Protein backbone atom coordinates (compact mmCIF):
# COMPACT_ATOMS: atom_id res chain seq x y z
CA MET A 1 -23.92 47.06 55.60
CA SER A 2 -20.97 45.30 54.01
CA SER A 3 -18.26 47.24 52.23
CA ILE A 4 -19.32 45.76 48.87
CA ASN A 5 -22.95 46.89 49.31
CA TYR A 6 -21.73 50.33 50.37
CA VAL A 7 -19.63 50.70 47.17
CA VAL A 8 -22.50 49.53 44.97
CA ASN A 9 -25.03 51.90 46.57
CA THR A 10 -22.61 54.81 46.38
CA MET A 11 -22.04 54.11 42.65
CA LYS A 12 -25.81 54.08 42.09
CA ILE A 13 -26.14 57.59 43.61
CA TYR A 14 -23.05 59.40 42.36
CA SER A 15 -22.04 57.52 39.18
CA PRO A 16 -24.87 55.59 37.49
CA HIS A 17 -22.68 55.03 34.38
CA ALA A 18 -19.99 53.35 36.44
CA TYR A 19 -22.63 51.17 38.07
CA LYS A 20 -23.94 50.15 34.64
CA LEU A 21 -20.40 49.26 33.52
CA LEU A 22 -19.85 47.20 36.64
CA PHE A 23 -23.14 45.33 36.10
CA THR A 24 -22.33 44.65 32.43
CA SER A 25 -18.83 43.36 33.23
CA SER A 26 -20.17 41.09 35.94
CA PHE A 27 -22.75 39.73 33.50
CA PHE A 28 -20.14 38.81 30.94
CA VAL A 29 -17.89 37.25 33.56
CA THR A 30 -20.83 35.12 34.69
CA ILE A 31 -21.60 34.07 31.09
CA SER A 32 -17.94 33.24 30.44
CA ILE A 33 -17.74 31.06 33.53
CA ALA A 34 -20.95 29.28 32.52
CA LEU A 35 -19.66 28.65 28.99
CA PHE A 36 -16.38 27.35 30.38
CA PHE A 37 -18.11 24.82 32.61
CA THR A 38 -20.44 23.83 29.74
CA PHE A 39 -17.39 23.18 27.55
CA MET A 40 -15.74 21.11 30.28
CA VAL A 41 -18.90 19.02 30.74
CA THR A 42 -19.14 18.47 26.98
CA GLN A 43 -15.50 17.39 26.87
CA ALA A 44 -16.10 15.02 29.76
CA GLN A 45 -19.06 13.49 27.93
CA ALA A 46 -17.07 13.04 24.69
CA GLY A 47 -14.28 10.48 24.89
CA ILE A 48 -11.20 9.56 22.89
CA ARG A 49 -9.96 6.00 22.58
CA GLN A 50 -6.24 5.77 21.95
CA TYR A 51 -4.51 2.81 20.34
CA SER A 52 -0.73 2.53 20.09
CA ALA A 53 2.11 0.27 21.11
CA ASP A 54 4.17 1.37 24.09
CA LEU A 55 7.96 1.20 24.25
CA ASN A 56 7.91 -2.39 25.50
CA SER A 57 5.33 -3.81 23.08
CA SER A 58 6.35 -1.91 19.93
CA LYS A 59 7.62 -4.21 17.21
CA TRP A 60 8.37 -3.56 13.54
CA GLN A 61 9.21 -6.49 11.28
CA LEU A 62 9.88 -7.31 7.64
CA ALA A 63 6.90 -9.58 6.97
CA ASN A 64 7.72 -10.16 3.27
CA ASP A 65 11.29 -10.13 2.05
CA SER A 66 11.57 -11.32 -1.54
CA ARG A 67 12.24 -9.99 -5.02
CA LEU A 68 8.49 -9.88 -5.63
CA GLN A 69 7.24 -8.02 -2.55
CA CYS A 70 8.52 -6.23 0.55
CA THR A 71 6.24 -5.60 3.54
CA LEU A 72 7.06 -3.69 6.72
CA SER A 73 4.45 -4.41 9.41
CA HIS A 74 3.68 -2.96 12.83
CA GLN A 75 1.26 -4.49 15.33
CA ILE A 76 -1.09 -2.08 17.13
CA PRO A 77 -2.42 -3.76 20.32
CA HIS A 78 -6.21 -4.28 20.44
CA TYR A 79 -6.63 -2.53 17.08
CA GLY A 80 -4.92 -4.29 14.17
CA GLN A 81 -1.84 -3.90 12.02
CA ALA A 82 -0.18 -1.16 9.98
CA ARG A 83 1.59 -2.25 6.78
CA PHE A 84 3.87 -0.55 4.28
CA SER A 85 4.39 -2.59 1.11
CA ALA A 86 6.12 -2.36 -2.26
CA LYS A 87 5.89 -4.81 -5.17
CA ALA A 88 8.02 -5.77 -8.14
CA SER A 89 7.27 -3.30 -10.91
CA ARG A 90 8.77 -1.13 -13.63
CA LYS A 91 8.28 1.89 -11.38
CA LEU A 92 9.02 2.40 -7.70
CA ASN A 93 5.78 1.97 -5.79
CA MET A 94 4.60 2.03 -2.19
CA GLU A 95 1.30 1.61 -0.36
CA PHE A 96 0.20 1.91 3.25
CA GLU A 97 -2.68 -0.15 4.62
CA LEU A 98 -4.34 0.02 8.02
CA ASP A 99 -5.61 -3.49 8.72
CA MET A 100 -8.39 -3.02 11.29
CA MET A 101 -9.78 -5.74 13.54
CA LEU A 102 -13.11 -3.89 13.38
CA LEU A 103 -13.81 -2.61 9.85
CA PRO A 104 -15.54 0.76 9.26
CA ASP A 105 -19.32 0.65 9.26
CA SER A 106 -19.77 3.84 7.25
CA TYR A 107 -17.92 6.22 4.96
CA SER A 108 -15.87 8.94 6.67
CA LEU A 109 -12.47 10.64 6.74
CA ALA A 110 -9.50 10.22 9.04
CA GLN A 111 -6.90 12.93 9.51
CA VAL A 112 -3.29 11.75 9.42
CA ARG A 113 -1.01 13.82 11.63
CA SER A 114 2.68 13.64 12.44
CA GLU A 115 3.08 14.07 16.20
CA SER A 116 5.89 14.07 18.72
CA PRO A 117 5.92 10.97 20.92
CA SER A 118 5.42 11.58 24.65
CA TRP A 119 9.09 10.93 25.36
CA ARG A 120 10.20 13.50 22.72
CA PRO A 121 8.31 16.73 23.46
CA GLY A 122 8.93 20.10 21.85
CA TYR A 123 8.58 19.22 18.17
CA GLY A 124 5.79 20.73 16.07
CA ASP A 125 2.93 18.55 14.86
CA LYS A 126 1.64 18.74 11.28
CA VAL A 127 -1.10 17.33 9.08
CA LEU A 128 0.12 14.83 6.45
CA ALA A 129 -3.10 13.89 4.66
CA ASN A 130 -6.74 12.87 4.92
CA MET A 131 -7.48 9.16 4.57
CA LYS A 132 -10.81 7.89 3.22
CA LEU A 133 -12.59 5.25 5.27
CA TYR A 134 -14.84 2.99 3.19
CA LYS A 135 -17.52 0.71 4.60
CA GLN A 136 -16.16 -2.77 5.40
CA PHE A 137 -12.77 -2.12 3.74
CA ASN A 138 -9.32 -1.58 5.19
CA PRO A 139 -8.24 2.01 4.45
CA SER A 140 -5.05 2.67 2.51
CA LEU A 141 -2.84 5.55 1.41
CA PRO A 142 -0.90 6.04 -1.87
CA LYS A 143 2.84 6.17 -2.49
CA LYS A 144 3.54 9.84 -1.75
CA VAL A 145 1.81 9.85 1.64
CA ALA A 146 3.23 6.43 2.57
CA TRP A 147 6.79 7.64 1.93
CA ALA A 148 6.07 10.83 3.92
CA MET A 149 4.93 8.70 6.88
CA LEU A 150 8.08 6.59 6.70
CA SER A 151 10.18 9.75 6.61
CA GLU A 152 8.44 11.09 9.71
CA LEU A 153 8.98 7.78 11.54
CA GLU A 154 12.66 7.85 10.59
CA GLN A 155 12.91 11.33 12.15
CA GLY A 156 11.38 10.09 15.41
CA MET A 157 7.85 11.37 14.81
CA SER A 158 4.67 9.33 15.22
CA PRO A 159 2.10 9.29 12.36
CA THR A 160 -1.30 9.28 14.05
CA PHE A 161 -4.81 8.81 12.67
CA TYR A 162 -7.85 10.64 14.07
CA TYR A 163 -11.44 9.86 13.15
CA ASN A 164 -14.88 9.79 14.72
CA ASP A 165 -16.14 6.45 15.94
CA TRP A 166 -18.79 5.26 13.46
CA TYR A 167 -20.76 3.71 16.35
CA SER A 168 -20.61 6.80 18.58
CA GLU A 169 -20.14 10.16 16.86
CA GLN A 170 -19.26 11.86 20.16
CA ASP A 171 -16.23 9.62 20.57
CA GLU A 172 -12.99 10.07 18.70
CA ILE A 173 -10.43 7.37 17.92
CA SER A 174 -6.70 7.94 17.84
CA VAL A 175 -4.33 5.37 16.28
CA GLY A 176 -0.61 6.02 16.57
CA LEU A 177 2.43 4.32 15.00
CA SER A 178 5.24 3.91 17.48
CA THR A 179 8.80 4.92 16.61
CA ALA A 180 10.31 2.35 18.99
CA ARG A 181 12.38 -0.35 17.22
CA PHE A 182 11.61 1.18 13.83
CA LYS A 183 14.94 2.10 12.30
CA GLY A 184 16.51 -1.37 12.12
CA ALA A 185 13.46 -2.90 10.43
CA TYR A 186 13.19 0.13 8.15
CA ARG A 187 16.78 -0.29 6.92
CA ASN A 188 16.02 -3.92 6.03
CA PHE A 189 12.84 -2.80 4.28
CA VAL A 190 14.70 -0.27 2.13
CA ALA A 191 17.31 -2.91 1.22
CA CYS A 192 14.50 -5.28 0.19
CA ILE A 193 12.95 -2.60 -2.04
CA GLY A 194 16.29 -2.06 -3.75
CA ASN A 195 16.35 -5.78 -4.65
CA LEU A 196 12.84 -5.97 -6.17
CA LEU A 197 12.44 -7.14 -9.76
CA ASN A 198 11.99 -4.24 -12.18
CA TYR A 199 8.98 -5.92 -13.80
CA SER A 200 5.71 -7.37 -12.53
CA PHE A 201 3.50 -10.37 -13.24
CA ASP A 202 1.32 -8.27 -15.55
CA ASP A 203 4.38 -7.39 -17.64
CA ILE A 204 5.06 -11.04 -18.52
CA SER A 205 1.76 -12.89 -17.99
CA TYR A 206 1.16 -12.87 -21.77
CA THR A 207 4.35 -13.03 -23.81
CA VAL A 208 5.05 -13.63 -27.50
CA LEU A 209 8.53 -14.98 -28.32
CA ASN A 210 9.99 -15.01 -31.82
CA TYR A 211 12.60 -17.26 -33.45
CA GLN A 212 15.34 -16.86 -35.93
CA SER A 213 14.51 -18.18 -39.42
CA ASN A 214 14.33 -22.02 -39.72
CA SER A 215 15.70 -22.44 -36.20
CA ASP A 216 14.67 -23.12 -32.63
CA LYS A 217 16.89 -20.30 -31.41
CA PHE A 218 15.28 -17.13 -30.09
CA THR A 219 15.93 -13.63 -31.26
CA LYS A 220 17.99 -11.65 -28.74
CA ALA A 221 14.94 -9.74 -27.46
CA SER A 222 12.98 -12.98 -26.96
CA GLN A 223 15.89 -14.60 -25.12
CA ARG A 224 15.93 -11.74 -22.63
CA ARG A 225 12.18 -12.12 -22.23
CA ILE A 226 12.23 -15.83 -21.48
CA ASP A 227 14.98 -15.28 -18.91
CA MET A 228 12.65 -12.81 -17.15
CA ILE A 229 9.84 -15.37 -17.17
CA ARG A 230 12.11 -18.10 -15.83
CA GLU A 231 13.25 -15.87 -12.96
CA TYR A 232 9.68 -14.89 -12.08
CA LEU A 233 8.53 -18.52 -12.14
CA SER A 234 11.28 -19.48 -9.71
CA LEU A 235 10.12 -16.81 -7.25
CA ASP A 236 6.32 -17.05 -7.36
CA PRO A 237 4.79 -20.29 -6.01
CA ASN A 238 1.27 -18.99 -6.70
CA LEU A 239 1.57 -19.47 -10.46
CA GLU A 240 -0.73 -22.41 -11.12
CA LEU A 241 -0.22 -23.06 -14.83
CA VAL A 242 2.13 -21.98 -17.62
CA LEU A 243 0.83 -22.56 -21.15
CA VAL A 244 3.46 -22.79 -23.89
CA ASP A 245 1.99 -22.77 -27.42
CA ALA A 246 4.38 -22.85 -30.39
CA TYR A 247 3.60 -21.99 -34.05
CA SER A 248 5.51 -21.95 -37.34
CA ASP A 249 5.38 -20.13 -40.65
CA SER A 250 4.26 -21.94 -43.84
CA TYR A 251 7.69 -22.50 -45.39
CA GLY A 252 8.51 -26.19 -45.62
CA GLY A 253 6.16 -29.15 -45.27
CA ARG A 254 3.26 -29.07 -42.85
CA TRP A 255 4.45 -32.18 -41.06
CA SER A 256 7.97 -30.85 -40.56
CA ASN A 257 6.60 -27.50 -39.39
CA LEU A 258 4.35 -29.26 -36.87
CA LYS A 259 7.28 -31.23 -35.49
CA LEU A 260 9.42 -28.08 -35.41
CA SER A 261 6.78 -26.24 -33.33
CA GLU A 262 6.50 -29.20 -30.96
CA LYS A 263 10.26 -29.24 -30.58
CA ARG A 264 10.25 -25.52 -29.78
CA SER A 265 7.57 -25.80 -27.09
CA ALA A 266 9.26 -28.85 -25.54
CA LYS A 267 12.58 -27.03 -25.42
CA ILE A 268 11.01 -24.17 -23.46
CA ARG A 269 9.34 -26.60 -21.05
CA ASP A 270 12.69 -28.37 -20.49
CA TYR A 271 14.39 -25.02 -19.95
CA PHE A 272 11.94 -24.15 -17.18
CA VAL A 273 12.16 -27.60 -15.56
CA LYS A 274 15.95 -27.50 -15.65
CA ASN A 275 15.77 -24.26 -13.68
CA GLY A 276 13.69 -25.78 -10.90
CA ILE A 277 10.14 -25.21 -12.14
CA ASP A 278 7.76 -28.10 -11.39
CA ALA A 279 6.94 -29.89 -14.69
CA SER A 280 3.30 -30.32 -13.59
CA ARG A 281 2.88 -26.53 -13.77
CA ILE A 282 3.85 -26.40 -17.46
CA GLU A 283 1.73 -27.44 -20.46
CA ALA A 284 3.54 -27.36 -23.83
CA ASN A 285 1.95 -27.77 -27.28
CA GLY A 286 3.01 -27.34 -30.92
CA TYR A 287 0.50 -26.25 -33.60
CA GLY A 288 2.66 -25.93 -36.71
CA GLU A 289 1.15 -23.74 -39.41
CA LYS A 290 -2.18 -23.19 -37.62
CA ARG A 291 -3.36 -19.76 -36.48
CA HIS A 292 -1.18 -17.49 -38.57
CA ILE A 293 -1.30 -13.87 -37.43
CA ALA A 294 0.38 -12.34 -40.50
CA SER A 295 0.97 -12.98 -44.20
CA ASN A 296 3.62 -15.58 -45.13
CA ASP A 297 4.43 -13.68 -48.34
CA THR A 298 6.89 -11.34 -46.58
CA ILE A 299 9.92 -11.86 -44.38
CA LEU A 300 8.34 -9.70 -41.65
CA GLY A 301 5.08 -11.64 -41.74
CA ARG A 302 6.82 -15.01 -41.55
CA GLY A 303 8.87 -13.76 -38.60
CA LYS A 304 5.64 -12.96 -36.74
CA ASN A 305 4.20 -16.40 -37.47
CA ARG A 306 7.30 -18.16 -36.09
CA ARG A 307 6.36 -17.60 -32.48
CA VAL A 308 5.71 -19.08 -29.06
CA VAL A 309 2.96 -17.69 -26.86
CA ILE A 310 3.46 -18.09 -23.10
CA GLN A 311 0.48 -17.48 -20.82
CA MET A 312 0.61 -17.68 -17.03
CA GLN A 313 -2.25 -18.12 -14.59
CA LYS A 314 -2.24 -17.43 -10.85
CA LEU A 315 -4.08 -19.32 -8.15
């Protein structure tokens, strides 16, 4: 008889409670081992596909660098491209977009985490946000989260996205943004943002300019406005057509008012052309006393009727 069998038999005779305890403990140890191996098998069956640029392939670049838009892009091998972008606007703005080579096939959520890169261990990871994945659309994140991601990258952390594969729910996908070669491109990106126009296309796409009485000179506010339009036109090649329509009040003869409105519209067209805008993109017309928008019986009403309407259309 082995020593183990001897101990067990002795416990059965002299201490049945101890034997019961030993049997119960052994049972739970057996169950724990079985659960552990089941977990390991499950983990082996489930896979995680990781996408990120290594130290050698990581590249950040300023894809757009103008007074209308700034874009900081990062190529993710075999996956797509990450882009941070800001546009000319009255308010500081920012957006992050994950341009996928393979678009989502169903709605789901991705968790955005800030993680330590493999070469920089010892720093705590944290959750930044959840990102919605829409069917057949590139996912994006708003200003606050985008700035938080840039801040983490600047500190040497790697924003990483985790979501379940929509073709295989057992598989998880991990997409990481590399910190390698980030800081130089980021400094250029911040400088570009600081140089953006403080107004957008929507702010000036429909503009009403007013004149001084019996003159083709603008009011001060209108002069500032046309300077903004001229600057925007010089920067945006996608503006297809600029319509310049001039009107007058009803003081004076109709013929002279018609000619005055034509003179006003032509002067604006010449102003744009002189500043490098292609004349074929500008259509100028004068309508004289037609289409009054206010009464001509008051000074205020006549001031509103002496106007030029500028409308811009994009490609």
